[in-house]
Amino acid sequence: MFQRGRLDHFALNATSEDAFRELRNRIIAEGRDECVVIDMGLLLLFNFTDPDDGEHEVVWWKPDGTQDGILRDDWAYIADY
């Protein structure tokens, strides 16, 4: 992290789970990345690289904001979301 200059990456907030899936499907359709989904407890996210090699992530916060986050060792990687 922070090896790419002043702006390391953008994080985009999906407004719904459907929007999250749609963004992921569009990025995969463009052939950019596998877009492996990471379940962090409070949120789901995936990373992708744009055509200019910029690093980005899309995040969807789960509706139940009272749920505690989970430790990194317990994150679940979901290849086919």
PDB file of N, CA and C in Angstrom:
ATOM      1  N   MET A   1       0.837  -1.169   0.000  1.00  0.00           N
ATOM      2  CA  MET A   1       0.000   0.000   0.000  1.00  0.00           C
ATOM      3  C   MET A   1       0.887   1.239   0.000  1.00  0.00           C
ATOM      4  N   PHE A   2       0.414   2.293  -0.599  1.00  0.00           N
ATOM      5  CA  PHE A   2       1.090   3.579  -0.697  1.00  0.00           C
ATOM      6  C   PHE A   2       2.368   3.519  -1.533  1.00  0.00           C
ATOM      7  N   GLN A   3       2.477   2.542  -2.407  1.00  0.00           N
ATOM      8  CA  GLN A   3       3.617   2.444  -3.308  1.00  0.00           C
ATOM      9  C   GLN A   3       3.311   3.102  -4.658  1.00  0.00           C
ATOM     10  N   ARG A   4       2.057   3.540  -4.863  1.00  0.00           N
ATOM     11  CA  ARG A   4       1.649   4.060  -6.166  1.00  0.00           C
ATOM     12  C   ARG A   4       1.539   5.582  -6.181  1.00  0.00           C
ATOM     13  N   GLY A   5       2.139   6.247  -5.239  1.00  0.00           N
ATOM     14  CA  GLY A   5       2.087   7.705  -5.219  1.00  0.00           C
ATOM     15  C   GLY A   5       1.093   8.224  -4.196  1.00  0.00           C
ATOM     16  N   ARG A   6       0.699   9.466  -4.373  1.00  0.00           N
ATOM     17  CA  ARG A   6      -0.168  10.122  -3.390  1.00  0.00           C
ATOM     18  C   ARG A   6      -1.558   9.510  -3.311  1.00  0.00           C
ATOM     19  N   LEU A   7      -2.088   9.092  -4.429  1.00  0.00           N
ATOM     20  CA  LEU A   7      -3.413   8.476  -4.442  1.00  0.00           C
ATOM     21  C   LEU A   7      -3.230   6.975  -4.598  1.00  0.00           C
ATOM     22  N   ASP A   8      -3.477   6.238  -3.537  1.00  0.00           N
ATOM     23  CA  ASP A   8      -3.248   4.800  -3.559  1.00  0.00           C
ATOM     24  C   ASP A   8      -4.363   4.069  -4.291  1.00  0.00           C
ATOM     25  N   HIS A   9      -5.626   4.341  -3.954  1.00  0.00           N
ATOM     26  CA  HIS A   9      -6.750   3.708  -4.625  1.00  0.00           C
ATOM     27  C   HIS A   9      -8.036   4.442  -4.277  1.00  0.00           C
ATOM     28  N   PHE A  10      -9.079   4.167  -5.059  1.00  0.00           N
ATOM     29  CA  PHE A  10     -10.423   4.658  -4.776  1.00  0.00           C
ATOM     30  C   PHE A  10     -11.244   3.510  -4.211  1.00  0.00           C
ATOM     31  N   ALA A  11     -12.110   3.813  -3.264  1.00  0.00           N
ATOM     32  CA  ALA A  11     -13.094   2.844  -2.797  1.00  0.00           C
ATOM     33  C   ALA A  11     -14.472   3.397  -3.169  1.00  0.00           C
ATOM     34  N   LEU A  12     -15.226   2.602  -3.901  1.00  0.00           N
ATOM     35  CA  LEU A  12     -16.558   2.992  -4.342  1.00  0.00           C
ATOM     36  C   LEU A  12     -17.585   2.279  -3.476  1.00  0.00           C
ATOM     37  N   ASN A  13     -18.600   3.002  -3.020  1.00  0.00           N
ATOM     38  CA  ASN A  13     -19.624   2.436  -2.157  1.00  0.00           C
ATOM     39  C   ASN A  13     -20.847   2.071  -2.990  1.00  0.00           C
ATOM     40  N   ALA A  14     -21.146   0.781  -3.108  1.00  0.00           N
ATOM     41  CA  ALA A  14     -22.341   0.338  -3.817  1.00  0.00           C
ATOM     42  C   ALA A  14     -23.561   0.631  -2.945  1.00  0.00           C
ATOM     43  N   THR A  15     -24.625   1.115  -3.546  1.00  0.00           N
ATOM     44  CA  THR A  15     -25.813   1.504  -2.784  1.00  0.00           C
ATOM     45  C   THR A  15     -26.674   0.322  -2.375  1.00  0.00           C
ATOM     46  N   SER A  16     -26.466  -0.831  -2.997  1.00  0.00           N
ATOM     47  CA  SER A  16     -27.243  -2.026  -2.673  1.00  0.00           C
ATOM     48  C   SER A  16     -26.448  -3.262  -3.070  1.00  0.00           C
ATOM     49  N   GLU A  17     -26.905  -4.418  -2.617  1.00  0.00           N
ATOM     50  CA  GLU A  17     -26.249  -5.652  -3.014  1.00  0.00           C
ATOM     51  C   GLU A  17     -26.385  -5.883  -4.515  1.00  0.00           C
ATOM     52  N   ASP A  18     -27.538  -5.512  -5.077  1.00  0.00           N
ATOM     53  CA  ASP A  18     -27.730  -5.637  -6.527  1.00  0.00           C
ATOM     54  C   ASP A  18     -26.750  -4.749  -7.297  1.00  0.00           C
ATOM     55  N   ALA A  19     -26.538  -3.527  -6.818  1.00  0.00           N
ATOM     56  CA  ALA A  19     -25.576  -2.626  -7.467  1.00  0.00           C
ATOM     57  C   ALA A  19     -24.163  -3.192  -7.371  1.00  0.00           C
ATOM     58  N   PHE A  20     -23.837  -3.770  -6.230  1.00  0.00           N
ATOM     59  CA  PHE A  20     -22.529  -4.408  -6.020  1.00  0.00           C
ATOM     60  C   PHE A  20     -22.317  -5.514  -7.056  1.00  0.00           C
ATOM     61  N   ARG A  21     -23.317  -6.390  -7.203  1.00  0.00           N
ATOM     62  CA  ARG A  21     -23.229  -7.495  -8.171  1.00  0.00           C
ATOM     63  C   ARG A  21     -23.125  -6.971  -9.605  1.00  0.00           C
ATOM     64  N   GLU A  22     -23.914  -5.942  -9.911  1.00  0.00           N
ATOM     65  CA  GLU A  22     -23.905  -5.388 -11.272  1.00  0.00           C
ATOM     66  C   GLU A  22     -22.537  -4.795 -11.611  1.00  0.00           C
ATOM     67  N   LEU A  23     -21.958  -4.028 -10.707  1.00  0.00           N
ATOM     68  CA  LEU A  23     -20.624  -3.461 -10.944  1.00  0.00           C
ATOM     69  C   LEU A  23     -19.599  -4.573 -11.148  1.00  0.00           C
ATOM     70  N   ARG A  24     -19.659  -5.584 -10.311  1.00  0.00           N
ATOM     71  CA  ARG A  24     -18.726  -6.713 -10.431  1.00  0.00           C
ATOM     72  C   ARG A  24     -18.895  -7.403 -11.783  1.00  0.00           C
ATOM     73  N   ASN A  25     -20.142  -7.669 -12.176  1.00  0.00           N
ATOM     74  CA  ASN A  25     -20.396  -8.327 -13.462  1.00  0.00           C
ATOM     75  C   ASN A  25     -19.896  -7.498 -14.645  1.00  0.00           C
ATOM     76  N   ARG A  26     -20.076  -6.196 -14.579  1.00  0.00           N
ATOM     77  CA  ARG A  26     -19.606  -5.321 -15.668  1.00  0.00           C
ATOM     78  C   ARG A  26     -18.083  -5.320 -15.773  1.00  0.00           C
ATOM     79  N   ILE A  27     -17.416  -5.273 -14.638  1.00  0.00           N
ATOM     80  CA  ILE A  27     -15.948  -5.265 -14.641  1.00  0.00           C
ATOM     81  C   ILE A  27     -15.414  -6.589 -15.170  1.00  0.00           C
ATOM     82  N   ILE A  28     -16.010  -7.694 -14.747  1.00  0.00           N
ATOM     83  CA  ILE A  28     -15.607  -9.006 -15.252  1.00  0.00           C
ATOM     84  C   ILE A  28     -15.852  -9.093 -16.759  1.00  0.00           C
ATOM     85  N   ALA A  29     -16.984  -8.565 -17.225  1.00  0.00           N
ATOM     86  CA  ALA A  29     -17.310  -8.599 -18.654  1.00  0.00           C
ATOM     87  C   ALA A  29     -16.292  -7.825 -19.486  1.00  0.00           C
ATOM     88  N   GLU A  30     -15.700  -6.795 -18.897  1.00  0.00           N
ATOM     89  CA  GLU A  30     -14.670  -6.017 -19.585  1.00  0.00           C
ATOM     90  C   GLU A  30     -13.313  -6.712 -19.567  1.00  0.00           C
ATOM     91  N   GLY A  31     -13.230  -7.835 -18.857  1.00  0.00           N
ATOM     92  CA  GLY A  31     -11.994  -8.597 -18.814  1.00  0.00           C
ATOM     93  C   GLY A  31     -10.920  -7.984 -17.946  1.00  0.00           C
ATOM     94  N   ARG A  32     -11.309  -7.149 -16.991  1.00  0.00           N
ATOM     95  CA  ARG A  32     -10.317  -6.461 -16.162  1.00  0.00           C
ATOM     96  C   ARG A  32      -9.714  -7.353 -15.095  1.00  0.00           C
ATOM     97  N   ASP A  33     -10.554  -8.046 -14.342  1.00  0.00           N
ATOM     98  CA  ASP A  33     -10.072  -8.816 -13.199  1.00  0.00           C
ATOM     99  C   ASP A  33     -11.044  -9.937 -12.884  1.00  0.00           C
ATOM    100  N   GLU A  34     -10.619 -10.841 -12.000  1.00  0.00           N
ATOM    101  CA  GLU A  34     -11.509 -11.889 -11.509  1.00  0.00           C
ATOM    102  C   GLU A  34     -12.523 -11.338 -10.517  1.00  0.00           C
ATOM    103  N   CYS A  35     -12.187 -10.273  -9.833  1.00  0.00           N
ATOM    104  CA  CYS A  35     -13.067  -9.618  -8.870  1.00  0.00           C
ATOM    105  C   CYS A  35     -13.520 -10.574  -7.772  1.00  0.00           C
ATOM    106  N   VAL A  36     -12.569 -11.190  -7.107  1.00  0.00           N
ATOM    107  CA  VAL A  36     -12.889 -12.092  -6.000  1.00  0.00           C
ATOM    108  C   VAL A  36     -13.503 -11.281  -4.864  1.00  0.00           C
ATOM    109  N   VAL A  37     -14.666 -11.705  -4.389  1.00  0.00           N
ATOM    110  CA  VAL A  37     -15.376 -11.010  -3.325  1.00  0.00           C
ATOM    111  C   VAL A  37     -14.800 -11.452  -1.979  1.00  0.00           C
ATOM    112  N   ILE A  38     -14.561 -10.477  -1.104  1.00  0.00           N
ATOM    113  CA  ILE A  38     -14.070 -10.737   0.242  1.00  0.00           C
ATOM    114  C   ILE A  38     -15.176 -10.363   1.227  1.00  0.00           C
ATOM    115  N   ASP A  39     -15.578 -11.312   2.061  1.00  0.00           N
ATOM    116  CA  ASP A  39     -16.585 -11.071   3.089  1.00  0.00           C
ATOM    117  C   ASP A  39     -15.850 -10.726   4.374  1.00  0.00           C
ATOM    118  N   MET A  40     -15.981  -9.468   4.800  1.00  0.00           N
ATOM    119  CA  MET A  40     -15.274  -8.992   5.987  1.00  0.00           C
ATOM    120  C   MET A  40     -16.192  -8.901   7.199  1.00  0.00           C
ATOM    121  N   GLY A  41     -17.355  -9.535   7.132  1.00  0.00           N
ATOM    122  CA  GLY A  41     -18.291  -9.475   8.245  1.00  0.00           C
ATOM    123  C   GLY A  41     -19.270  -8.329   8.075  1.00  0.00           C
ATOM    124  N   LEU A  42     -18.811  -7.090   8.259  1.00  0.00           N
ATOM    125  CA  LEU A  42     -19.675  -5.918   8.099  1.00  0.00           C
ATOM    126  C   LEU A  42     -19.930  -5.562   6.643  1.00  0.00           C
ATOM    127  N   LEU A  43     -19.048  -5.999   5.759  1.00  0.00           N
ATOM    128  CA  LEU A  43     -19.152  -5.580   4.369  1.00  0.00           C
ATOM    129  C   LEU A  43     -18.585  -6.634   3.435  1.00  0.00           C
ATOM    130  N   LEU A  44     -18.968  -6.496   2.171  1.00  0.00           N
ATOM    131  CA  LEU A  44     -18.372  -7.269   1.087  1.00  0.00           C
ATOM    132  C   LEU A  44     -17.568  -6.297   0.246  1.00  0.00           C
ATOM    133  N   LEU A  45     -16.456  -6.765  -0.321  1.00  0.00           N
ATOM    134  CA  LEU A  45     -15.684  -5.908  -1.214  1.00  0.00           C
ATOM    135  C   LEU A  45     -14.983  -6.748  -2.269  1.00  0.00           C
ATOM    136  N   PHE A  46     -14.640  -6.099  -3.368  1.00  0.00           N
ATOM    137  CA  PHE A  46     -13.754  -6.696  -4.361  1.00  0.00           C
ATOM    138  C   PHE A  46     -12.871  -5.598  -4.923  1.00  0.00           C
ATOM    139  N   ASN A  47     -11.728  -5.984  -5.412  1.00  0.00           N
ATOM    140  CA  ASN A  47     -10.751  -5.056  -5.988  1.00  0.00           C
ATOM    141  C   ASN A  47     -10.668  -5.264  -7.490  1.00  0.00           C
ATOM    142  N   PHE A  48     -10.316  -4.195  -8.201  1.00  0.00           N
ATOM    143  CA  PHE A  48     -10.064  -4.303  -9.632  1.00  0.00           C
ATOM    144  C   PHE A  48      -9.077  -3.234 -10.068  1.00  0.00           C
ATOM    145  N   THR A  49      -8.497  -3.445 -11.223  1.00  0.00           N
ATOM    146  CA  THR A  49      -7.544  -2.512 -11.809  1.00  0.00           C
ATOM    147  C   THR A  49      -8.161  -1.920 -13.066  1.00  0.00           C
ATOM    148  N   ASP A  50      -8.123  -0.591 -13.195  1.00  0.00           N
ATOM    149  CA  ASP A  50      -8.707   0.049 -14.381  1.00  0.00           C
ATOM    150  C   ASP A  50      -7.715   0.006 -15.547  1.00  0.00           C
ATOM    151  N   PRO A  51      -8.138   0.436 -16.737  1.00  0.00           N
ATOM    152  CA  PRO A  51      -7.249   0.380 -17.910  1.00  0.00           C
ATOM    153  C   PRO A  51      -5.961   1.190 -17.773  1.00  0.00           C
ATOM    154  N   ASP A  52      -5.942   2.170 -16.861  1.00  0.00           N
ATOM    155  CA  ASP A  52      -4.735   2.967 -16.621  1.00  0.00           C
ATOM    156  C   ASP A  52      -3.925   2.429 -15.456  1.00  0.00           C
ATOM    157  N   ASP A  53      -4.215   1.204 -15.040  1.00  0.00           N
ATOM    158  CA  ASP A  53      -3.549   0.534 -13.925  1.00  0.00           C
ATOM    159  C   ASP A  53      -3.830   1.163 -12.561  1.00  0.00           C
ATOM    160  N   GLY A  54      -4.933   1.906 -12.460  1.00  0.00           N
ATOM    161  CA  GLY A  54      -5.360   2.416 -11.154  1.00  0.00           C
ATOM    162  C   GLY A  54      -6.013   1.294 -10.356  1.00  0.00           C
ATOM    163  N   GLU A  55      -5.748   1.273  -9.071  1.00  0.00           N
ATOM    164  CA  GLU A  55      -6.314   0.245  -8.186  1.00  0.00           C
ATOM    165  C   GLU A  55      -7.582   0.795  -7.529  1.00  0.00           C
ATOM    166  N   HIS A  56      -8.633  -0.013  -7.534  1.00  0.00           N
ATOM    167  CA  HIS A  56      -9.912   0.417  -6.972  1.00  0.00           C
ATOM    168  C   HIS A  56     -10.561  -0.733  -6.224  1.00  0.00           C
ATOM    169  N   GLU A  57     -11.515  -0.388  -5.350  1.00  0.00           N
ATOM    170  CA  GLU A  57     -12.312  -1.413  -4.708  1.00  0.00           C
ATOM    171  C   GLU A  57     -13.757  -0.951  -4.669  1.00  0.00           C
ATOM    172  N   VAL A  58     -14.654  -1.914  -4.704  1.00  0.00           N
ATOM    173  CA  VAL A  58     -16.080  -1.651  -4.566  1.00  0.00           C
ATOM    174  C   VAL A  58     -16.515  -2.308  -3.267  1.00  0.00           C
ATOM    175  N   VAL A  59     -17.261  -1.560  -2.460  1.00  0.00           N
ATOM    176  CA  VAL A  59     -17.679  -2.008  -1.144  1.00  0.00           C
ATOM    177  C   VAL A  59     -19.198  -1.960  -1.047  1.00  0.00           C
ATOM    178  N   TRP A  60     -19.780  -2.976  -0.445  1.00  0.00           N
ATOM    179  CA  TRP A  60     -21.196  -2.938  -0.082  1.00  0.00           C
ATOM    180  C   TRP A  60     -21.304  -3.221   1.407  1.00  0.00           C
ATOM    181  N   TRP A  61     -21.798  -2.224   2.153  1.00  0.00           N
ATOM    182  CA  TRP A  61     -21.993  -2.381   3.596  1.00  0.00           C
ATOM    183  C   TRP A  61     -23.282  -3.149   3.818  1.00  0.00           C
ATOM    184  N   LYS A  62     -23.203  -4.229   4.557  1.00  0.00           N
ATOM    185  CA  LYS A  62     -24.384  -5.036   4.844  1.00  0.00           C
ATOM    186  C   LYS A  62     -25.371  -4.214   5.680  1.00  0.00           C
ATOM    187  N   PRO A  63     -26.678  -4.439   5.478  1.00  0.00           N
ATOM    188  CA  PRO A  63     -27.686  -3.603   6.140  1.00  0.00           C
ATOM    189  C   PRO A  63     -27.634  -3.625   7.661  1.00  0.00           C
ATOM    190  N   ASP A  64     -27.244  -4.721   8.271  1.00  0.00           N
ATOM    191  CA  ASP A  64     -27.196  -4.815   9.715  1.00  0.00           C
ATOM    192  C   ASP A  64     -25.878  -4.246  10.222  1.00  0.00           C
ATOM    193  N   GLY A  65     -25.841  -2.941  10.462  1.00  0.00           N
ATOM    194  CA  GLY A  65     -24.619  -2.267  10.858  1.00  0.00           C
ATOM    195  C   GLY A  65     -24.178  -2.574  12.277  1.00  0.00           C
ATOM    196  N   THR A  66     -24.975  -3.362  13.016  1.00  0.00           N
ATOM    197  CA  THR A  66     -24.610  -3.667  14.396  1.00  0.00           C
ATOM    198  C   THR A  66     -23.672  -4.862  14.488  1.00  0.00           C
ATOM    199  N   GLN A  67     -23.503  -5.588  13.395  1.00  0.00           N
ATOM    200  CA  GLN A  67     -22.646  -6.779  13.391  1.00  0.00           C
ATOM    201  C   GLN A  67     -21.186  -6.368  13.555  1.00  0.00           C
ATOM    202  N   ASP A  68     -20.475  -7.069  14.415  1.00  0.00           N
ATOM    203  CA  ASP A  68     -19.058  -6.786  14.602  1.00  0.00           C
ATOM    204  C   ASP A  68     -18.270  -7.231  13.378  1.00  0.00           C
ATOM    205  N   GLY A  69     -17.181  -6.548  13.097  1.00  0.00           N
ATOM    206  CA  GLY A  69     -16.271  -6.987  12.052  1.00  0.00           C
ATOM    207  C   GLY A  69     -15.581  -8.271  12.490  1.00  0.00           C
ATOM    208  N   ILE A  70     -14.922  -8.921  11.578  1.00  0.00           N
ATOM    209  CA  ILE A  70     -14.211 -10.152  11.913  1.00  0.00           C
ATOM    210  C   ILE A  70     -12.734  -9.964  11.637  1.00  0.00           C
ATOM    211  N   LEU A  71     -11.920 -10.763  12.299  1.00  0.00           N
ATOM    212  CA  LEU A  71     -10.484 -10.667  12.124  1.00  0.00           C
ATOM    213  C   LEU A  71     -10.082 -11.064  10.715  1.00  0.00           C
ATOM    214  N   ARG A  72      -9.002 -10.487  10.223  1.00  0.00           N
ATOM    215  CA  ARG A  72      -8.555 -10.737   8.863  1.00  0.00           C
ATOM    216  C   ARG A  72      -8.371 -12.231   8.573  1.00  0.00           C
ATOM    217  N   ASP A  73      -7.897 -12.981   9.531  1.00  0.00           N
ATOM    218  CA  ASP A  73      -7.716 -14.421   9.321  1.00  0.00           C
ATOM    219  C   ASP A  73      -9.035 -15.134   9.053  1.00  0.00           C
ATOM    220  N   ASP A  74     -10.145 -14.527   9.461  1.00  0.00           N
ATOM    221  CA  ASP A  74     -11.459 -15.139   9.284  1.00  0.00           C
ATOM    222  C   ASP A  74     -12.220 -14.605   8.077  1.00  0.00           C
ATOM    223  N   TRP A  75     -11.615 -13.693   7.307  1.00  0.00           N
ATOM    224  CA  TRP A  75     -12.288 -13.201   6.106  1.00  0.00           C
ATOM    225  C   TRP A  75     -12.528 -14.371   5.162  1.00  0.00           C
ATOM    226  N   ALA A  76     -13.639 -14.343   4.481  1.00  0.00           N
ATOM    227  CA  ALA A  76     -13.973 -15.400   3.523  1.00  0.00           C
ATOM    228  C   ALA A  76     -13.793 -14.857   2.100  1.00  0.00           C
ATOM    229  N   TYR A  77     -13.048 -15.573   1.290  1.00  0.00           N
ATOM    230  CA  TYR A  77     -12.848 -15.189  -0.099  1.00  0.00           C
ATOM    231  C   TYR A  77     -13.836 -15.963  -0.953  1.00  0.00           C
ATOM    232  N   ILE A  78     -14.691 -15.232  -1.661  1.00  0.00           N
ATOM    233  CA  ILE A  78     -15.773 -15.834  -2.428  1.00  0.00           C
ATOM    234  C   ILE A  78     -15.479 -15.620  -3.911  1.00  0.00           C
ATOM    235  N   ALA A  79     -15.028 -16.659  -4.601  1.00  0.00           N
ATOM    236  CA  ALA A  79     -14.616 -16.524  -6.003  1.00  0.00           C
ATOM    237  C   ALA A  79     -15.825 -16.366  -6.928  1.00  0.00           C
ATOM    238  N   ASP A  80     -16.916 -17.032  -6.640  1.00  0.00           N
ATOM    239  CA  ASP A  80     -18.088 -16.985  -7.513  1.00  0.00           C
ATOM    240  C   ASP A  80     -19.266 -16.430  -6.743  1.00  0.00           C
ATOM    241  N   TYR A  81     -19.373 -15.109  -6.688  1.00  0.00           N
ATOM    242  CA  TYR A  81     -20.406 -14.464  -5.891  1.00  0.00           C
ATOM    243  C   TYR A  81     -21.616 -14.179  -6.734  1.00  0.00           C
TER     244      TYR A  81
END
